């Protein structure tokens, strides 16, 4: 074997590989050149297409720009034409205004000339007026001096005398006219009022008796007194603490007197004391039990009394607190007249009056029933009972018409409708009818004395007499000091003073008598 055979084989193989590689390289160069030429040709074609597209787009853009320019030019020309038209119109208007202004200036100039001429006339007239005024003042001064010399009075004295005479004549004329108006009104109104009141009073028949209450409880023996007092006075102290009243034992024989400002507390104390005396067991614990039970029963009884009063009048149910206050009026009295019965009577009279006059009957009854509601709390709240009651009703959501009627039935405020007048009339009828109210002898004598004192306090009064149980005041005047007109004014002044200074049920009549007697003897 040839030792160089592998080497020869290796050399021979390498040569074959080199020849193959060279062939492949030559072939690759040829292919690469062909591809490059194709790419360049394709690129040249694309570049030519792009130049053609760009030129086409440029031509289109130029055409669009030319069209847009033409359109904008047309718009600008149209806008310019419109502005020119507007400017022409404005110029025409300005010329018209200038013409009008010139005309107004011409008129103003002529008016100014005319005013200037009038001003000259006014100045001339002012000078003439001042001259004449000075002459008139000199003439008046001369006449005044002459009058003062002739009459013997100064100007101020003469003026006061004339004014005093004019005032007296005016007062007489006013009094004469007032009397005429009053007489005419009375002539027309008395017959209708008499018929109306007669009809109402005839239709309503109320009781003519009055209630009298007592706070005395009869006891049978001194042993009961000892039980009431208790050891070291503990029972009576417990009773007074529980009821809020004062118990008097030793002042009245065989009786226990209960004293207190609150009538409801007095009623509770009277009932509790009666039950304790009847039971016989009197000690602090029992006292608290009985008083508590009586108080609960009293609250229920008060509400029941209020509901019964509302039902008697025929009204719809009221607010619970209003009903409770209405029931408390059962324990209040005015000149010995029970306030709850008086309120029911006033409500019925108001309803009858409203029916006769064609007013709202239900509102009139409601106003009459609630008109004295403030008297239930007058010992707790300050102020006139009419205003207190109106404020309570306002708080409970009552109708403003009812509130005003309650507030105005004693003329503390002005009445805003007919309800206040109806309540005032019905209240006077209920309070002034015979037997409705009574008063003590000392109160009666004091009222009569005050009536006569008020009547005698006016100048020109000769004598005064209170008659008809103080319901009428007769005044005799001096005829030489007062004439008929002045007598009428004096009677009205006496009435106003009585209303301002006195408190009385119903009304008081003032009768003024002026009598001139002339006696002569024929010889």
Protein backbone atom coordinates (compact mmCIF):
# COMPACT_ATOMS: atom_id res chain seq x y z
CA UNK A 1 0.00 0.00 0.00
CA UNK A 2 1.19 3.40 -0.93
CA UNK A 3 1.94 5.41 2.24
CA UNK A 4 1.08 8.70 0.58
CA UNK A 5 -2.32 7.54 -0.49
CA UNK A 6 -4.29 9.33 2.29
CA UNK A 7 -2.43 12.47 1.63
CA UNK A 8 -3.12 12.23 -2.02
CA UNK A 9 -6.75 11.53 -1.35
CA UNK A 10 -6.93 14.48 0.98
CA UNK A 11 -5.27 16.75 -1.54
CA UNK A 12 -7.48 15.50 -4.26
CA UNK A 13 -10.63 16.03 -2.16
CA UNK A 14 -9.57 19.51 -1.22
CA UNK A 15 -9.07 20.40 -4.81
CA UNK A 16 -12.53 19.16 -5.69
CA UNK A 17 -14.03 21.17 -2.86
CA UNK A 18 -12.24 24.30 -3.98
CA UNK A 19 -13.40 23.85 -7.52
CA UNK A 20 -16.99 23.33 -6.35
CA UNK A 21 -16.86 26.38 -4.12
CA UNK A 22 -15.56 28.50 -6.93
CA UNK A 23 -18.35 27.38 -9.19
CA UNK A 24 -20.90 28.11 -6.52
CA UNK A 25 -19.40 31.56 -5.91
CA UNK A 26 -19.46 32.42 -9.58
CA UNK A 27 -23.01 31.26 -9.84
CA UNK A 28 -24.00 33.31 -6.75
CA UNK A 29 -22.39 36.44 -8.15
CA UNK A 30 -24.28 36.05 -11.35
CA UNK A 31 -27.59 35.59 -9.49
CA UNK A 32 -26.87 38.51 -7.23
CA UNK A 33 -26.13 40.80 -10.15
CA UNK A 34 -29.30 39.72 -11.89
CA UNK A 35 -31.38 40.41 -8.76
CA UNK A 36 -29.73 43.81 -8.32
CA UNK A 37 -30.52 44.75 -11.89
CA UNK A 38 -34.13 43.64 -11.45
CA UNK A 39 -34.39 45.61 -8.18
CA UNK A 40 -32.97 48.70 -9.79
CA UNK A 41 -35.36 48.36 -12.70
CA UNK A 42 -38.27 47.92 -10.32
CA UNK A 43 -37.16 50.91 -8.24
CA UNK A 44 -36.87 53.03 -11.36
CA UNK A 45 -40.37 51.98 -12.34
CA UNK A 46 -41.72 52.78 -8.86
CA UNK A 47 -39.93 56.14 -8.85
CA UNK A 48 -41.42 56.98 -12.23
CA UNK A 49 -44.93 56.01 -10.99
CA UNK A 50 -44.41 58.14 -7.85
CA UNK A 51 -43.33 61.14 -9.94
CA UNK A 52 -46.43 60.73 -12.13
CA UNK A 53 -48.72 60.46 -9.01
CA UNK A 54 -47.06 63.49 -7.42
CA UNK A 55 -47.50 65.51 -10.55
CA UNK A 56 -51.18 64.47 -10.75
CA UNK A 57 -51.73 65.35 -7.08
CA UNK A 58 -50.02 68.71 -7.57
CA UNK A 59 -52.27 69.43 -10.53
CA UNK A 60 -55.37 68.48 -8.44
CA UNK A 61 -54.19 70.62 -5.52
CA UNK A 62 -53.63 73.58 -7.82
CA UNK A 63 -57.12 73.14 -9.25
CA UNK A 64 -58.70 72.89 -5.76
CA UNK A 65 -56.73 75.90 -4.57
CA UNK A 66 -57.89 77.88 -7.58
CA UNK A 67 -61.49 76.87 -6.95
CA UNK A 68 -61.23 77.72 -3.22
CA UNK A 69 -59.63 81.03 -4.07
CA UNK A 70 -62.45 81.80 -6.46
CA UNK A 71 -65.04 80.84 -3.86
CA UNK A 72 -63.39 82.95 -1.17
CA UNK A 73 -63.12 85.84 -3.60
CA UNK A 74 -66.87 85.56 -4.32
CA UNK A 75 -67.69 85.46 -0.58
CA UNK A 76 -65.48 88.45 0.10
CA UNK A 77 -67.14 90.38 -2.69
CA UNK A 78 -70.63 89.49 -1.37
CA UNK A 79 -69.66 90.45 2.20
CA UNK A 80 -68.15 93.68 0.92
CA UNK A 81 -71.35 94.39 -0.99
CA UNK A 82 -73.48 93.78 2.13
CA UNK A 83 -71.30 96.04 4.25
CA UNK A 84 -71.47 98.71 1.60
CA UNK A 85 -75.27 98.40 1.62
CA UNK A 86 -75.32 98.61 5.46
CA UNK A 87 -73.04 101.63 5.42
CA UNK A 88 -75.31 103.31 2.91
CA UNK A 89 -78.32 102.61 5.11
CA UNK A 90 -76.50 103.91 8.21
CA UNK A 91 -75.45 107.01 6.34
CA UNK A 92 -79.06 107.59 5.30
CA UNK A 93 -80.25 107.19 8.90
CA UNK A 94 -77.56 109.53 10.20
CA UNK A 95 -78.58 112.13 7.68
CA UNK A 96 -82.21 111.72 8.76
CA UNK A 97 -81.27 112.06 12.44
CA UNK A 98 -79.15 115.08 11.69
CA UNK A 99 -82.12 116.65 9.96
CA UNK A 100 -84.38 115.91 12.97
CA UNK A 101 -81.78 117.23 15.42
CA UNK A 102 -81.51 120.41 13.43
CA UNK A 103 -85.28 120.81 13.51
CA UNK A 104 -85.32 120.24 17.29
CA UNK A 105 -82.53 122.73 17.78
CA UNK A 106 -84.51 125.27 15.81
CA UNK A 107 -87.61 124.58 17.98
CA UNK A 108 -85.52 124.79 21.16
CA UNK A 109 -84.06 128.06 20.06
CA UNK A 110 -87.49 129.49 19.42
CA UNK A 111 -88.76 128.08 22.75
CA UNK A 112 -85.76 129.59 24.54
CA UNK A 113 -86.55 132.96 23.04
CA UNK A 114 -90.16 132.61 24.16
CA UNK A 115 -89.15 131.54 27.70
CA UNK A 116 -86.69 134.40 27.90
CA UNK A 117 -89.52 136.76 27.00
CA UNK A 118 -91.77 135.21 29.66
CA UNK A 119 -89.00 135.46 32.25
CA UNK A 120 -88.78 139.13 31.56
CA UNK A 121 -92.56 139.41 32.04
CA UNK A 122 -92.36 137.42 35.30
CA UNK A 123 -89.61 139.64 36.66
CA UNK A 124 -91.65 142.67 35.78
CA UNK A 125 -94.71 141.18 37.51
CA UNK A 126 -92.63 140.28 40.58
CA UNK A 127 -91.49 143.84 40.88
CA UNK A 128 -95.07 145.07 40.55
CA UNK A 129 -96.30 142.45 43.07
CA UNK A 130 -93.59 143.38 45.59
CA UNK A 131 -94.54 147.03 45.22
CA UNK A 132 -98.24 146.30 45.68
CA UNK A 133 -97.48 143.96 48.64
CA UNK A 134 -95.54 146.70 50.38
CA UNK A 135 -98.38 149.09 49.77
CA UNK A 136 -100.91 146.53 51.08
CA UNK A 137 -98.82 145.83 54.19
CA UNK A 138 -98.59 149.57 54.88
CA UNK A 139 -102.34 149.82 54.40
CA UNK A 140 -102.97 146.83 56.69
CA UNK A 141 -100.70 148.29 59.33
CA UNK A 142 -102.58 151.59 59.10
CA UNK A 143 -105.95 149.79 59.31
CA UNK A 144 -104.74 147.62 62.24
CA UNK A 145 -103.52 150.69 64.09
CA UNK A 146 -106.83 152.41 63.47
CA UNK A 147 -108.81 149.35 64.58
CA UNK A 148 -106.73 148.95 67.73
CA UNK A 149 -107.29 152.62 68.50
CA UNK A 150 -111.04 152.39 67.91
CA UNK A 151 -111.64 148.97 69.58
CA UNK A 152 -109.14 149.33 72.38
CA UNK A 153 -107.76 145.79 71.71
CA UNK A 154 -104.40 144.63 70.46
CA UNK A 155 -104.13 142.42 67.40
CA UNK A 156 -103.36 139.30 69.45
CA UNK A 157 -106.30 139.94 71.80
CA UNK A 158 -108.65 140.47 68.86
CA UNK A 159 -107.36 137.31 67.16
CA UNK A 160 -107.82 135.26 70.35
CA UNK A 161 -111.32 136.61 70.78
CA UNK A 162 -112.24 135.75 67.18
CA UNK A 163 -110.73 132.27 67.47
CA UNK A 164 -112.49 131.64 70.78
CA UNK A 165 -115.80 132.69 69.31
CA UNK A 166 -115.21 130.54 66.23
CA UNK A 167 -114.27 127.57 68.43
CA UNK A 168 -117.41 127.93 70.51
CA UNK A 169 -119.58 128.22 67.41
CA UNK A 170 -117.86 125.17 65.90
CA UNK A 171 -118.37 123.12 69.07
CA UNK A 172 -122.04 124.09 69.18
CA UNK A 173 -122.45 123.20 65.52
CA UNK A 174 -120.68 119.88 66.04
CA UNK A 175 -122.76 119.08 69.10
CA UNK A 176 -125.96 120.01 67.24
CA UNK A 177 -124.96 117.84 64.29
CA UNK A 178 -123.95 115.00 66.60
CA UNK A 179 -127.27 115.15 68.41
CA UNK A 180 -129.12 115.15 65.11
CA UNK A 181 -127.16 112.15 63.82
CA UNK A 182 -127.56 110.25 67.09
CA UNK A 183 -131.28 110.93 67.26
CA UNK A 184 -131.76 109.87 63.67
CA UNK A 185 -129.69 106.70 64.19
CA UNK A 186 -131.53 105.88 67.39
CA UNK A 187 -134.88 106.42 65.67
CA UNK A 188 -133.93 103.98 62.93
CA UNK A 189 -132.03 101.44 65.04
CA UNK A 190 -134.03 101.23 68.26
CA UNK A 191 -137.07 99.63 66.70
CA UNK A 192 -135.05 96.99 64.85
CA UNK A 193 -132.77 96.34 67.86
CA UNK A 194 -135.79 96.09 70.17
CA UNK A 195 -137.43 93.61 67.84
CA UNK A 196 -134.24 91.60 67.47
CA UNK A 197 -133.49 91.42 71.20
CA UNK A 198 -137.11 90.68 72.04
CA UNK A 199 -137.13 87.83 69.55
CA UNK A 200 -133.87 86.38 70.84
CA UNK A 201 -134.75 86.67 74.54
CA UNK A 202 -138.20 85.24 73.85
CA UNK A 203 -136.71 82.23 72.06
CA UNK A 204 -134.22 81.54 74.83
CA UNK A 205 -135.51 80.71 78.30
CA UNK A 206 -132.61 80.49 80.76
CA UNK A 207 -132.66 79.88 84.48
CA UNK A 208 -133.07 82.94 86.68
CA UNK A 209 -131.36 81.46 89.72
CA UNK A 210 -127.72 81.65 90.63
CA UNK A 211 -125.46 79.21 92.42
CA UNK A 212 -123.80 79.90 95.70
CA UNK A 213 -120.74 77.94 96.74
CA UNK A 214 -119.32 77.35 100.16
CA UNK A 215 -115.99 76.11 101.38
CA UNK A 216 -117.26 75.09 104.81
CA UNK A 217 -117.63 71.43 105.82
CA UNK A 218 -119.80 70.59 108.79
CA UNK A 219 -118.38 68.33 111.52
CA UNK A 220 -120.29 66.63 114.29
CA UNK A 221 -117.84 66.66 117.22
CA UNK A 222 -114.57 67.96 118.49
CA UNK A 223 -113.14 64.45 118.14
CA UNK A 224 -113.29 64.85 114.35
CA UNK A 225 -111.42 68.13 114.72
CA UNK A 226 -108.70 66.35 116.65
CA UNK A 227 -108.40 63.66 113.99
CA UNK A 228 -108.17 66.29 111.27
CA UNK A 229 -105.43 68.13 113.14
CA UNK A 230 -103.56 64.97 114.13
CA UNK A 231 -100.68 64.54 116.51
CA UNK A 232 -98.75 67.81 116.61
CA UNK A 233 -100.71 68.94 113.54
CA UNK A 234 -99.21 66.39 111.14
CA UNK A 235 -102.55 65.47 109.54
CA UNK A 236 -103.57 69.02 108.75
CA UNK A 237 -100.07 69.80 107.42
CA UNK A 238 -100.18 66.72 105.20
CA UNK A 239 -103.63 67.72 103.95
CA UNK A 240 -102.58 71.30 103.16
CA UNK A 241 -99.40 70.08 101.44
CA UNK A 242 -101.32 67.58 99.28
CA UNK A 243 -104.15 69.94 98.28
CA UNK A 244 -102.43 73.36 98.24
CA UNK A 245 -105.14 75.05 100.35
CA UNK A 246 -105.37 76.44 103.88
CA UNK A 247 -107.58 74.66 106.44
CA UNK A 248 -109.17 76.75 109.21
CA UNK A 249 -110.72 74.80 112.07
CA UNK A 250 -111.05 76.98 115.18
CA UNK A 251 -112.58 80.07 113.55
CA UNK A 252 -116.00 78.59 112.80
CA UNK A 253 -117.75 76.31 115.31
CA UNK A 254 -118.79 72.84 114.13
CA UNK A 255 -117.26 73.49 110.71
CA UNK A 256 -114.00 73.23 108.79
CA UNK A 257 -113.27 76.15 106.47
CA UNK A 258 -111.13 75.61 103.37
CA UNK A 259 -109.42 78.68 101.88
CA UNK A 260 -107.51 79.00 98.60
CA UNK A 261 -107.30 81.06 95.42
CA UNK A 262 -107.67 78.12 93.02
CA UNK A 263 -111.35 77.00 92.89
CA UNK A 264 -110.40 73.57 91.51
CA UNK A 265 -108.07 72.97 94.44
CA UNK A 266 -110.79 74.11 96.83
CA UNK A 267 -113.21 71.64 95.22
CA UNK A 268 -110.66 68.81 95.48
CA UNK A 269 -109.93 69.71 99.10
CA UNK A 270 -113.65 69.87 99.98
CA UNK A 271 -114.37 66.46 98.45
CA UNK A 272 -111.26 64.86 99.98
CA UNK A 273 -112.09 66.27 103.44
CA UNK A 274 -115.67 65.01 103.19
CA UNK A 275 -114.44 61.52 102.28
CA UNK A 276 -111.89 61.47 105.09
CA UNK A 277 -114.47 62.58 107.66
CA UNK A 278 -116.95 59.96 106.41
CA UNK A 279 -114.28 57.23 106.45
CA UNK A 280 -112.86 58.16 109.84
CA UNK A 281 -109.33 57.02 109.01
CA UNK A 282 -107.30 60.22 108.91
CA UNK A 283 -103.51 59.95 108.73
CA UNK A 284 -100.88 61.23 106.25
CA UNK A 285 -100.80 58.09 104.11
CA UNK A 286 -104.59 57.90 103.89
CA UNK A 287 -104.75 61.63 103.15
CA UNK A 288 -102.36 61.25 100.20
CA UNK A 289 -104.37 58.30 98.85
CA UNK A 290 -107.72 60.08 99.09
CA UNK A 291 -106.42 63.37 97.68
CA UNK A 292 -104.74 61.57 94.77
CA UNK A 293 -107.92 59.66 93.96
CA UNK A 294 -110.03 62.82 94.16
CA UNK A 295 -107.60 64.70 91.91
CA UNK A 296 -107.75 61.99 89.26
CA UNK A 297 -111.53 61.93 89.45
CA UNK A 298 -111.58 65.73 89.28
CA UNK A 299 -109.48 65.79 86.09
CA UNK A 300 -111.84 63.29 84.47
CA UNK A 301 -114.84 65.25 85.74
CA UNK A 302 -113.44 68.53 84.35
CA UNK A 303 -113.01 67.02 80.86
CA UNK A 304 -116.50 65.51 81.07
CA UNK A 305 -118.01 68.87 82.07
CA UNK A 306 -116.29 70.56 79.12
CA UNK A 307 -117.53 67.91 76.70
CA UNK A 308 -121.07 68.20 78.10
CA UNK A 309 -120.98 71.99 77.62
CA UNK A 310 -119.88 71.56 73.99
CA UNK A 311 -122.62 69.00 73.42
CA UNK A 312 -125.28 71.26 75.00
CA UNK A 313 -124.44 74.03 72.58
CA UNK A 314 -124.38 71.60 69.65
CA UNK A 315 -120.80 72.11 68.47
CA UNK A 316 -118.17 69.73 67.15
CA UNK A 317 -115.57 68.46 69.67
CA UNK A 318 -112.91 70.99 70.65
CA UNK A 319 -109.19 70.67 71.33
CA UNK A 320 -108.62 68.53 74.45
CA UNK A 321 -106.84 71.33 76.34
CA UNK A 322 -109.59 73.79 75.37
CA UNK A 323 -112.21 71.32 76.61
CA UNK A 324 -110.33 70.91 79.90
CA UNK A 325 -110.13 74.68 80.44
CA UNK A 326 -113.81 74.98 79.61
CA UNK A 327 -114.65 72.38 82.25
CA UNK A 328 -112.62 74.31 84.85
CA UNK A 329 -115.08 77.20 84.45
CA UNK A 330 -117.65 75.12 86.37
CA UNK A 331 -115.71 76.05 89.51
CA UNK A 332 -115.48 79.78 88.75
CA UNK A 333 -118.14 82.39 89.57
CA UNK A 334 -118.58 86.04 88.68
CA UNK A 335 -120.95 87.97 90.96
CA UNK A 336 -122.21 84.52 92.08
CA UNK A 337 -123.02 83.56 88.44
CA UNK A 338 -121.42 80.28 87.37
CA UNK A 339 -119.03 81.02 84.48
CA UNK A 340 -119.65 77.73 82.61
CA UNK A 341 -123.44 78.20 82.71
CA UNK A 342 -122.94 81.81 81.68
CA UNK A 343 -120.75 80.70 78.73
CA UNK A 344 -123.37 78.18 77.57
CA UNK A 345 -126.04 80.86 77.82
CA UNK A 346 -123.93 83.36 75.86
CA UNK A 347 -123.27 80.71 73.19
CA UNK A 348 -126.98 80.08 72.72
CA UNK A 349 -127.77 83.81 72.64
CA UNK A 350 -124.97 84.35 70.08
CA UNK A 351 -126.42 81.60 67.91
CA UNK A 352 -129.90 83.16 68.03
CA UNK A 353 -128.55 86.63 67.24
CA UNK A 354 -126.46 85.27 64.37
CA UNK A 355 -129.48 83.43 62.96
CA UNK A 356 -131.57 86.61 63.07
CA UNK A 357 -128.82 88.61 61.36
CA UNK A 358 -127.90 85.97 58.78
CA UNK A 359 -124.39 85.33 60.15
CA UNK A 360 -122.50 82.07 60.72
CA UNK A 361 -124.40 80.40 63.60
CA UNK A 362 -121.74 77.79 64.42
CA UNK A 363 -118.92 80.37 64.59
CA UNK A 364 -121.11 82.63 66.77
CA UNK A 365 -121.87 79.75 69.19
CA UNK A 366 -118.21 78.78 69.34
CA UNK A 367 -117.18 82.38 70.08
CA UNK A 368 -119.82 82.72 72.82
CA UNK A 369 -118.89 79.42 74.47
CA UNK A 370 -115.18 80.27 74.59
CA UNK A 371 -115.41 84.02 75.34
CA UNK A 372 -114.58 83.67 79.08
CA UNK A 373 -112.02 80.85 78.69
CA UNK A 374 -109.29 83.08 80.09
CA UNK A 375 -111.01 83.17 83.49
CA UNK A 376 -109.98 79.54 84.00
CA UNK A 377 -106.32 80.61 84.30
CA UNK A 378 -106.48 84.27 85.38
CA UNK A 379 -105.04 83.26 88.76
CA UNK A 380 -102.04 81.77 86.88
CA UNK A 381 -101.52 84.26 84.02
CA UNK A 382 -101.48 88.05 84.14
CA UNK A 383 -103.64 90.22 81.91
CA UNK A 384 -107.32 90.75 81.03
CA UNK A 385 -109.20 87.48 80.76
CA UNK A 386 -110.32 88.27 77.19
CA UNK A 387 -106.73 88.64 75.95
CA UNK A 388 -105.53 85.64 77.99
CA UNK A 389 -108.29 83.45 76.58
CA UNK A 390 -107.59 84.63 73.02
CA UNK A 391 -103.90 83.79 73.39
CA UNK A 392 -104.73 80.29 74.68
CA UNK A 393 -107.08 79.67 71.76
CA UNK A 394 -104.42 80.92 69.32
CA UNK A 395 -101.93 78.43 70.80
CA UNK A 396 -104.47 75.62 70.36
CA UNK A 397 -104.96 76.42 66.66
CA UNK A 398 -108.39 78.06 66.89
CA UNK A 399 -109.88 79.97 63.94
CA UNK A 400 -108.54 83.61 63.87
CA UNK A 401 -112.13 84.91 63.68
CA UNK A 402 -112.98 83.14 66.95
CA UNK A 403 -109.74 84.41 68.54
CA UNK A 404 -110.56 88.01 67.59
CA UNK A 405 -114.15 87.70 68.84
CA UNK A 406 -112.91 86.46 72.24
CA UNK A 407 -110.22 89.16 72.46
CA UNK A 408 -112.57 92.00 71.47
CA UNK A 409 -115.72 91.22 73.47
CA UNK A 410 -114.63 93.70 76.17
CA UNK A 411 -113.14 96.19 73.65
CA UNK A 412 -109.50 95.53 74.68
CA UNK A 413 -108.82 95.16 70.94
CA UNK A 414 -110.75 96.26 67.88
CA UNK A 415 -113.31 93.82 66.50
CA UNK A 416 -112.49 92.61 62.97
CA UNK A 417 -115.96 91.29 62.21
CA UNK A 418 -119.50 90.86 63.54
CA UNK A 419 -118.64 87.99 65.91
CA UNK A 420 -117.03 90.26 68.52
CA UNK A 421 -120.08 92.53 68.56
CA UNK A 422 -122.44 89.55 68.87
CA UNK A 423 -120.45 88.15 71.80
CA UNK A 424 -120.46 91.55 73.55
CA UNK A 425 -124.23 91.88 73.14
CA UNK A 426 -124.95 88.32 74.29
CA UNK A 427 -122.56 88.73 77.24
CA UNK A 428 -124.39 91.89 78.32
CA UNK A 429 -127.79 90.21 77.99
CA UNK A 430 -126.70 87.19 80.03
CA UNK A 431 -125.06 89.29 82.73
CA UNK A 432 -127.73 91.95 83.11
CA UNK A 433 -130.92 89.90 83.13
CA UNK A 434 -132.75 89.90 86.51
CA UNK A 435 -131.39 87.37 88.98
CA UNK A 436 -128.34 86.48 86.89
CA UNK A 437 -125.77 88.09 89.14
CA UNK A 438 -125.63 89.40 92.66
CA UNK A 439 -123.09 91.32 94.66
CA UNK A 440 -122.44 92.12 98.29
CA UNK A 441 -123.95 95.16 99.95
CA UNK A 442 -120.55 96.81 100.42
CA UNK A 443 -119.69 96.39 96.73
CA UNK A 444 -123.08 97.76 95.72
CA UNK A 445 -122.77 100.81 97.99
CA UNK A 446 -119.24 101.46 96.78
CA UNK A 447 -120.38 101.36 93.13
CA UNK A 448 -123.28 103.75 93.82
CA UNK A 449 -120.93 106.11 95.65
CA UNK A 450 -118.43 106.08 92.79
CA UNK A 451 -121.17 106.72 90.24
CA UNK A 452 -122.38 109.81 92.07
CA UNK A 453 -118.79 110.99 92.62
CA UNK A 454 -117.98 110.72 88.88
CA UNK A 455 -121.15 112.58 87.90
CA UNK A 456 -120.49 115.42 90.35
CA UNK A 457 -116.88 115.85 89.24
CA UNK A 458 -117.85 117.77 86.06
CA UNK A 459 -118.42 121.55 86.08
CA UNK A 460 -122.00 122.68 85.67
CA UNK A 461 -123.47 119.64 87.51
CA UNK A 462 -125.86 120.53 90.32
CA UNK A 463 -126.92 117.10 91.69
CA UNK A 464 -126.39 113.40 90.93
CA UNK A 465 -128.54 110.41 91.89
CA UNK A 466 -127.77 106.72 91.31
CA UNK A 467 -131.09 104.89 90.84
CA UNK A 468 -132.35 101.46 89.77
CA UNK A 469 -129.82 99.59 91.91
CA UNK A 470 -126.93 101.52 90.39
CA UNK A 471 -127.90 100.81 86.78
CA UNK A 472 -128.83 104.42 86.03
CA UNK A 473 -127.23 107.74 86.91
CA UNK A 474 -129.43 110.84 86.77
CA UNK A 475 -127.57 114.12 86.52
CA UNK A 476 -129.15 117.56 87.06
CA UNK A 477 -127.20 120.44 85.52
CA UNK A 478 -127.42 124.21 85.92
CA UNK A 479 -129.26 125.55 82.87
CA UNK A 480 -127.61 128.94 83.03
CA UNK A 481 -124.12 127.37 82.63
CA UNK A 482 -124.87 124.73 79.97
CA UNK A 483 -127.07 124.83 76.90
CA UNK A 484 -128.60 121.78 75.20
CA UNK A 485 -125.60 121.06 73.00
CA UNK A 486 -123.14 121.28 75.89
CA UNK A 487 -125.43 119.02 77.94
CA UNK A 488 -125.19 116.34 75.25
CA UNK A 489 -121.39 116.55 75.28
CA UNK A 490 -121.36 116.37 79.10
CA UNK A 491 -123.48 113.18 79.11
CA UNK A 492 -121.07 111.50 76.73
CA UNK A 493 -118.07 112.62 78.81
CA UNK A 494 -119.65 111.14 81.98
CA UNK A 495 -120.22 107.82 80.18
CA UNK A 496 -116.61 107.65 79.05
CA UNK A 497 -115.31 108.35 82.55
CA UNK A 498 -117.57 105.65 84.04
CA UNK A 499 -116.30 103.14 81.47
CA UNK A 500 -112.67 104.03 82.25
CA UNK A 501 -112.86 103.99 86.06
CA UNK A 502 -115.53 101.45 87.10
CA UNK A 503 -116.13 97.74 86.66
CA UNK A 504 -119.75 96.63 86.61
CA UNK A 505 -121.97 93.92 85.10
CA UNK A 506 -124.22 94.88 82.21
CA UNK A 507 -124.54 98.57 81.40
CA UNK A 508 -125.23 101.86 83.20
CA UNK A 509 -127.59 104.45 81.77
CA UNK A 510 -126.75 108.13 82.17
CA UNK A 511 -129.73 110.47 82.09
CA UNK A 512 -128.87 114.18 82.08
CA UNK A 513 -131.66 116.66 82.88
CA UNK A 514 -131.45 120.35 81.99
CA UNK A 515 -134.51 122.25 83.12
CA UNK A 516 -134.95 126.01 83.04
CA UNK A 517 -137.78 127.33 85.20
CA UNK A 518 -138.80 130.98 84.87
CA UNK A 519 -141.18 132.35 87.54
CA UNK A 520 -142.60 135.84 87.30
CA UNK A 521 -145.44 137.52 89.18
CA UNK A 522 -147.98 139.80 87.55
CA UNK A 523 -149.02 142.55 89.88
